[in-house]
Amino acid sequence: MKSLQLMIKEINARPPADDLIQDLLPDSSSAYMLLCGRSGIGKTFLALHILYCLASGIPWLSRKTKQCKVGYLSMEGSDLKIASRFSRISKSFNGDSQKNIFWHHTMAITLNPAGITDLEEIISALVSLTPCVHWSRAITPHQRMQLNS
């Protein structure tokens, strides 16, 4: 065991972490971002804004970002609605950033062994291409009730 002073000194001597979003999202194979909240509060637009900032390397809310490939897994609404949201937000960013964006759309997956396997395969495919994944509304309210019982 080390003293608190020694631990802090050793930690401060380390080189700074290479974050995807400065002081918010580390660059790590285990770094995922999950946004949760009630319907209609802007989770998708927030996620897409973060996604485009990472894909283009421009700051997000004054925090430096590391340009990278980004995966987006949508599990809500129609793919046409999500595509429309991509189109609207892309107007605020350069078109070159879209080459770093990977998207998979599916409806909510049933949490049974086959559904979990499907979800793992989708996430594995995105993770193989990208350092971070947004996972939107994977569990329906009915499934959440089943898990809690």
C-alpha atoms as a PDB file:
ATOM      1  CA  MET A   1       0.000   0.000   0.000  1.00  0.00           C
ATOM      2  CA  LYS A   2       1.200   3.503  -0.834  1.00  0.00           C
ATOM      3  CA  SER A   3       0.545   6.844   0.786  1.00  0.00           C
ATOM      4  CA  LEU A   4      -2.030   9.103  -0.818  1.00  0.00           C
ATOM      5  CA  GLN A   5       0.704  11.664  -1.597  1.00  0.00           C
ATOM      6  CA  LEU A   6       2.824   9.057  -3.394  1.00  0.00           C
ATOM      7  CA  MET A   7      -0.166   7.717  -5.360  1.00  0.00           C
ATOM      8  CA  ILE A   8      -1.135  11.213  -6.523  1.00  0.00           C
ATOM      9  CA  LYS A   9       2.475  12.006  -7.435  1.00  0.00           C
ATOM     10  CA  GLU A  10       2.742   8.797  -9.508  1.00  0.00           C
ATOM     11  CA  ILE A  11      -0.599   9.426 -11.215  1.00  0.00           C
ATOM     12  CA  ASN A  12       0.345  13.024 -12.064  1.00  0.00           C
ATOM     13  CA  ALA A  13       3.673  11.820 -13.523  1.00  0.00           C
ATOM     14  CA  ARG A  14       1.890   9.659 -16.124  1.00  0.00           C
ATOM     15  CA  PRO A  15       1.511  11.011 -19.637  1.00  0.00           C
ATOM     16  CA  PRO A  16      -1.943  12.463 -20.276  1.00  0.00           C
ATOM     17  CA  ALA A  17      -4.614  10.019 -21.434  1.00  0.00           C
ATOM     18  CA  ASP A  18      -5.492  10.092 -25.103  1.00  0.00           C
ATOM     19  CA  ASP A  19      -9.236  10.733 -24.896  1.00  0.00           C
ATOM     20  CA  LEU A  20     -11.719  10.527 -27.753  1.00  0.00           C
ATOM     21  CA  ILE A  21     -13.516  13.445 -26.076  1.00  0.00           C
ATOM     22  CA  GLN A  22     -11.246  15.402 -23.747  1.00  0.00           C
ATOM     23  CA  ASP A  23     -11.867  14.470 -20.092  1.00  0.00           C
ATOM     24  CA  LEU A  24     -15.124  12.705 -20.992  1.00  0.00           C
ATOM     25  CA  LEU A  25     -14.638   9.609 -23.172  1.00  0.00           C
ATOM     26  CA  PRO A  26     -11.345   7.708 -22.977  1.00  0.00           C
ATOM     27  CA  ASP A  27      -9.763   6.107 -26.039  1.00  0.00           C
ATOM     28  CA  SER A  28     -10.106   2.532 -24.906  1.00  0.00           C
ATOM     29  CA  SER A  29     -11.388  -0.723 -26.345  1.00  0.00           C
ATOM     30  CA  SER A  30     -13.825  -0.773 -23.444  1.00  0.00           C
ATOM     31  CA  ALA A  31     -15.060   2.816 -23.929  1.00  0.00           C
ATOM     32  CA  TYR A  32     -18.712   2.947 -24.889  1.00  0.00           C
ATOM     33  CA  MET A  33     -21.209   5.736 -24.639  1.00  0.00           C
ATOM     34  CA  LEU A  34     -24.783   4.914 -23.677  1.00  0.00           C
ATOM     35  CA  LEU A  35     -27.409   7.657 -23.690  1.00  0.00           C
ATOM     36  CA  CYS A  36     -30.634   7.003 -21.800  1.00  0.00           C
ATOM     37  CA  GLY A  37     -33.725   9.068 -21.184  1.00  0.00           C
ATOM     38  CA  ARG A  38     -37.397   9.387 -21.870  1.00  0.00           C
ATOM     39  CA  SER A  39     -38.695   9.643 -25.402  1.00  0.00           C
ATOM     40  CA  GLY A  40     -38.418  12.936 -27.257  1.00  0.00           C
ATOM     41  CA  ILE A  41     -35.746  14.735 -25.217  1.00  0.00           C
ATOM     42  CA  GLY A  42     -33.093  14.786 -27.947  1.00  0.00           C
ATOM     43  CA  LYS A  43     -30.934  11.701 -27.283  1.00  0.00           C
ATOM     44  CA  THR A  44     -30.594  10.909 -30.974  1.00  0.00           C
ATOM     45  CA  PHE A  45     -29.598  14.450 -31.975  1.00  0.00           C
ATOM     46  CA  LEU A  46     -27.115  14.615 -29.084  1.00  0.00           C
ATOM     47  CA  ALA A  47     -25.624  11.271 -30.128  1.00  0.00           C
ATOM     48  CA  LEU A  48     -25.427  12.326 -33.783  1.00  0.00           C
ATOM     49  CA  HIS A  49     -23.742  15.611 -32.852  1.00  0.00           C
ATOM     50  CA  ILE A  50     -21.132  13.747 -30.782  1.00  0.00           C
ATOM     51  CA  LEU A  51     -20.746  11.218 -33.592  1.00  0.00           C
ATOM     52  CA  TYR A  52     -20.096  13.900 -36.212  1.00  0.00           C
ATOM     53  CA  CYS A  53     -17.664  15.762 -33.943  1.00  0.00           C
ATOM     54  CA  LEU A  54     -15.642  12.561 -33.457  1.00  0.00           C
ATOM     55  CA  ALA A  55     -15.837  11.632 -37.150  1.00  0.00           C
ATOM     56  CA  SER A  56     -14.574  15.070 -38.197  1.00  0.00           C
ATOM     57  CA  GLY A  57     -12.245  15.754 -35.249  1.00  0.00           C
ATOM     58  CA  ILE A  58     -13.832  19.091 -34.378  1.00  0.00           C
ATOM     59  CA  PRO A  59     -14.398  20.056 -30.718  1.00  0.00           C
ATOM     60  CA  TRP A  60     -17.586  18.996 -28.953  1.00  0.00           C
ATOM     61  CA  LEU A  61     -18.812  21.664 -26.519  1.00  0.00           C
ATOM     62  CA  SER A  62     -15.301  23.174 -26.448  1.00  0.00           C
ATOM     63  CA  ARG A  63     -13.717  19.791 -25.624  1.00  0.00           C
ATOM     64  CA  LYS A  64     -11.055  18.510 -27.976  1.00  0.00           C
ATOM     65  CA  THR A  65     -11.929  15.374 -29.912  1.00  0.00           C
ATOM     66  CA  LYS A  66      -9.785  12.777 -31.581  1.00  0.00           C
ATOM     67  CA  GLN A  67     -10.882  12.150 -35.156  1.00  0.00           C
ATOM     68  CA  CYS A  68     -11.862   8.507 -35.501  1.00  0.00           C
ATOM     69  CA  LYS A  69     -14.271   6.051 -37.042  1.00  0.00           C
ATOM     70  CA  VAL A  70     -17.560   5.957 -35.153  1.00  0.00           C
ATOM     71  CA  GLY A  71     -20.294   3.313 -35.096  1.00  0.00           C
ATOM     72  CA  TYR A  72     -23.949   4.111 -34.548  1.00  0.00           C
ATOM     73  CA  LEU A  73     -26.400   1.355 -33.643  1.00  0.00           C
ATOM     74  CA  SER A  74     -29.992   2.572 -33.791  1.00  0.00           C
ATOM     75  CA  MET A  75     -32.772   0.459 -32.341  1.00  0.00           C
ATOM     76  CA  GLU A  76     -35.665   2.886 -32.552  1.00  0.00           C
ATOM     77  CA  GLY A  77     -38.078   4.193 -35.143  1.00  0.00           C
ATOM     78  CA  SER A  78     -37.693   3.701 -38.858  1.00  0.00           C
ATOM     79  CA  ASP A  79     -34.426   3.731 -40.730  1.00  0.00           C
ATOM     80  CA  LEU A  80     -35.915   6.480 -42.932  1.00  0.00           C
ATOM     81  CA  LYS A  81     -36.430   8.707 -39.855  1.00  0.00           C
ATOM     82  CA  ILE A  82     -32.865   8.108 -38.639  1.00  0.00           C
ATOM     83  CA  ALA A  83     -31.486   8.743 -42.171  1.00  0.00           C
ATOM     84  CA  SER A  84     -33.394  12.041 -42.209  1.00  0.00           C
ATOM     85  CA  ARG A  85     -31.785  13.014 -38.886  1.00  0.00           C
ATOM     86  CA  PHE A  86     -28.342  12.146 -40.290  1.00  0.00           C
ATOM     87  CA  SER A  87     -29.077  14.364 -43.302  1.00  0.00           C
ATOM     88  CA  ARG A  88     -30.188  17.312 -41.186  1.00  0.00           C
ATOM     89  CA  ILE A  89     -27.229  17.278 -38.809  1.00  0.00           C
ATOM     90  CA  SER A  90     -24.677  16.563 -41.562  1.00  0.00           C
ATOM     91  CA  LYS A  91     -25.335  20.040 -42.983  1.00  0.00           C
ATOM     92  CA  SER A  92     -23.423  21.481 -40.009  1.00  0.00           C
ATOM     93  CA  PHE A  93     -20.320  19.378 -40.743  1.00  0.00           C
ATOM     94  CA  ASN A  94     -18.068  18.795 -43.726  1.00  0.00           C
ATOM     95  CA  GLY A  95     -19.084  15.944 -46.014  1.00  0.00           C
ATOM     96  CA  ASP A  96     -15.711  14.270 -45.527  1.00  0.00           C
ATOM     97  CA  SER A  97     -16.643  13.222 -41.985  1.00  0.00           C
ATOM     98  CA  GLN A  98     -19.235  10.746 -43.290  1.00  0.00           C
ATOM     99  CA  LYS A  99     -16.486   8.354 -44.414  1.00  0.00           C
ATOM    100  CA  ASN A 100     -15.749   7.768 -40.702  1.00  0.00           C
ATOM    101  CA  ILE A 101     -19.359   6.958 -39.770  1.00  0.00           C
ATOM    102  CA  PHE A 102     -20.740   3.418 -39.747  1.00  0.00           C
ATOM    103  CA  TRP A 103     -24.422   2.755 -39.082  1.00  0.00           C
ATOM    104  CA  HIS A 104     -26.534  -0.303 -38.371  1.00  0.00           C
ATOM    105  CA  HIS A 105     -30.287  -0.112 -37.819  1.00  0.00           C
ATOM    106  CA  THR A 106     -32.492  -2.777 -36.306  1.00  0.00           C
ATOM    107  CA  MET A 107     -35.659  -2.807 -34.296  1.00  0.00           C
ATOM    108  CA  ALA A 108     -35.550  -3.745 -30.606  1.00  0.00           C
ATOM    109  CA  ILE A 109     -34.100  -7.207 -30.106  1.00  0.00           C
ATOM    110  CA  THR A 110     -35.834  -9.752 -27.896  1.00  0.00           C
ATOM    111  CA  LEU A 111     -33.664 -10.668 -24.933  1.00  0.00           C
ATOM    112  CA  ASN A 112     -33.655 -14.404 -25.456  1.00  0.00           C
ATOM    113  CA  PRO A 113     -30.531 -16.449 -26.315  1.00  0.00           C
ATOM    114  CA  ALA A 114     -30.961 -15.950 -30.082  1.00  0.00           C
ATOM    115  CA  GLY A 115     -31.597 -12.204 -29.695  1.00  0.00           C
ATOM    116  CA  ILE A 116     -28.600 -11.740 -27.423  1.00  0.00           C
ATOM    117  CA  THR A 117     -26.425 -13.601 -29.950  1.00  0.00           C
ATOM    118  CA  ASP A 118     -27.711 -11.326 -32.735  1.00  0.00           C
ATOM    119  CA  LEU A 119     -26.981  -8.229 -30.648  1.00  0.00           C
ATOM    120  CA  GLU A 120     -23.463  -9.443 -29.802  1.00  0.00           C
ATOM    121  CA  GLU A 121     -22.751 -10.030 -33.509  1.00  0.00           C
ATOM    122  CA  ILE A 122     -23.974  -6.543 -34.462  1.00  0.00           C
ATOM    123  CA  ILE A 123     -21.927  -4.885 -31.725  1.00  0.00           C
ATOM    124  CA  SER A 124     -18.832  -6.974 -32.562  1.00  0.00           C
ATOM    125  CA  ALA A 125     -19.057  -5.896 -36.200  1.00  0.00           C
ATOM    126  CA  LEU A 126     -19.290  -2.224 -35.217  1.00  0.00           C
ATOM    127  CA  VAL A 127     -16.516  -2.513 -32.622  1.00  0.00           C
ATOM    128  CA  SER A 128     -14.214  -4.104 -35.207  1.00  0.00           C
ATOM    129  CA  LEU A 129     -14.571  -0.931 -37.303  1.00  0.00           C
ATOM    130  CA  THR A 130     -14.859   1.750 -34.667  1.00  0.00           C
ATOM    131  CA  PRO A 131     -13.575   2.759 -31.231  1.00  0.00           C
ATOM    132  CA  CYS A 132     -16.929   3.853 -29.838  1.00  0.00           C
ATOM    133  CA  VAL A 133     -20.529   2.827 -30.276  1.00  0.00           C
ATOM    134  CA  HIS A 134     -23.826   4.499 -29.487  1.00  0.00           C
ATOM    135  CA  TRP A 135     -26.493   1.995 -28.540  1.00  0.00           C
ATOM    136  CA  SER A 136     -29.982   3.431 -28.614  1.00  0.00           C
ATOM    137  CA  ARG A 137     -33.038   1.913 -26.953  1.00  0.00           C
ATOM    138  CA  ALA A 138     -32.036  -1.759 -26.951  1.00  0.00           C
ATOM    139  CA  ILE A 139     -34.594  -2.906 -24.400  1.00  0.00           C
ATOM    140  CA  THR A 140     -38.320  -2.337 -24.777  1.00  0.00           C
ATOM    141  CA  PRO A 141     -40.345  -1.387 -21.674  1.00  0.00           C
ATOM    142  CA  HIS A 142     -41.992  -4.845 -21.760  1.00  0.00           C
ATOM    143  CA  GLN A 143     -38.562  -6.548 -21.772  1.00  0.00           C
ATOM    144  CA  ARG A 144     -37.406  -4.317 -18.915  1.00  0.00           C
ATOM    145  CA  MET A 145     -40.430  -5.419 -16.862  1.00  0.00           C
ATOM    146  CA  GLN A 146     -39.569  -9.065 -17.601  1.00  0.00           C
ATOM    147  CA  LEU A 147     -35.990  -8.550 -16.447  1.00  0.00           C
ATOM    148  CA  ASN A 148     -37.122  -6.886 -13.220  1.00  0.00           C
ATOM    149  CA  SER A 149     -39.555  -9.670 -12.297  1.00  0.00           C
END
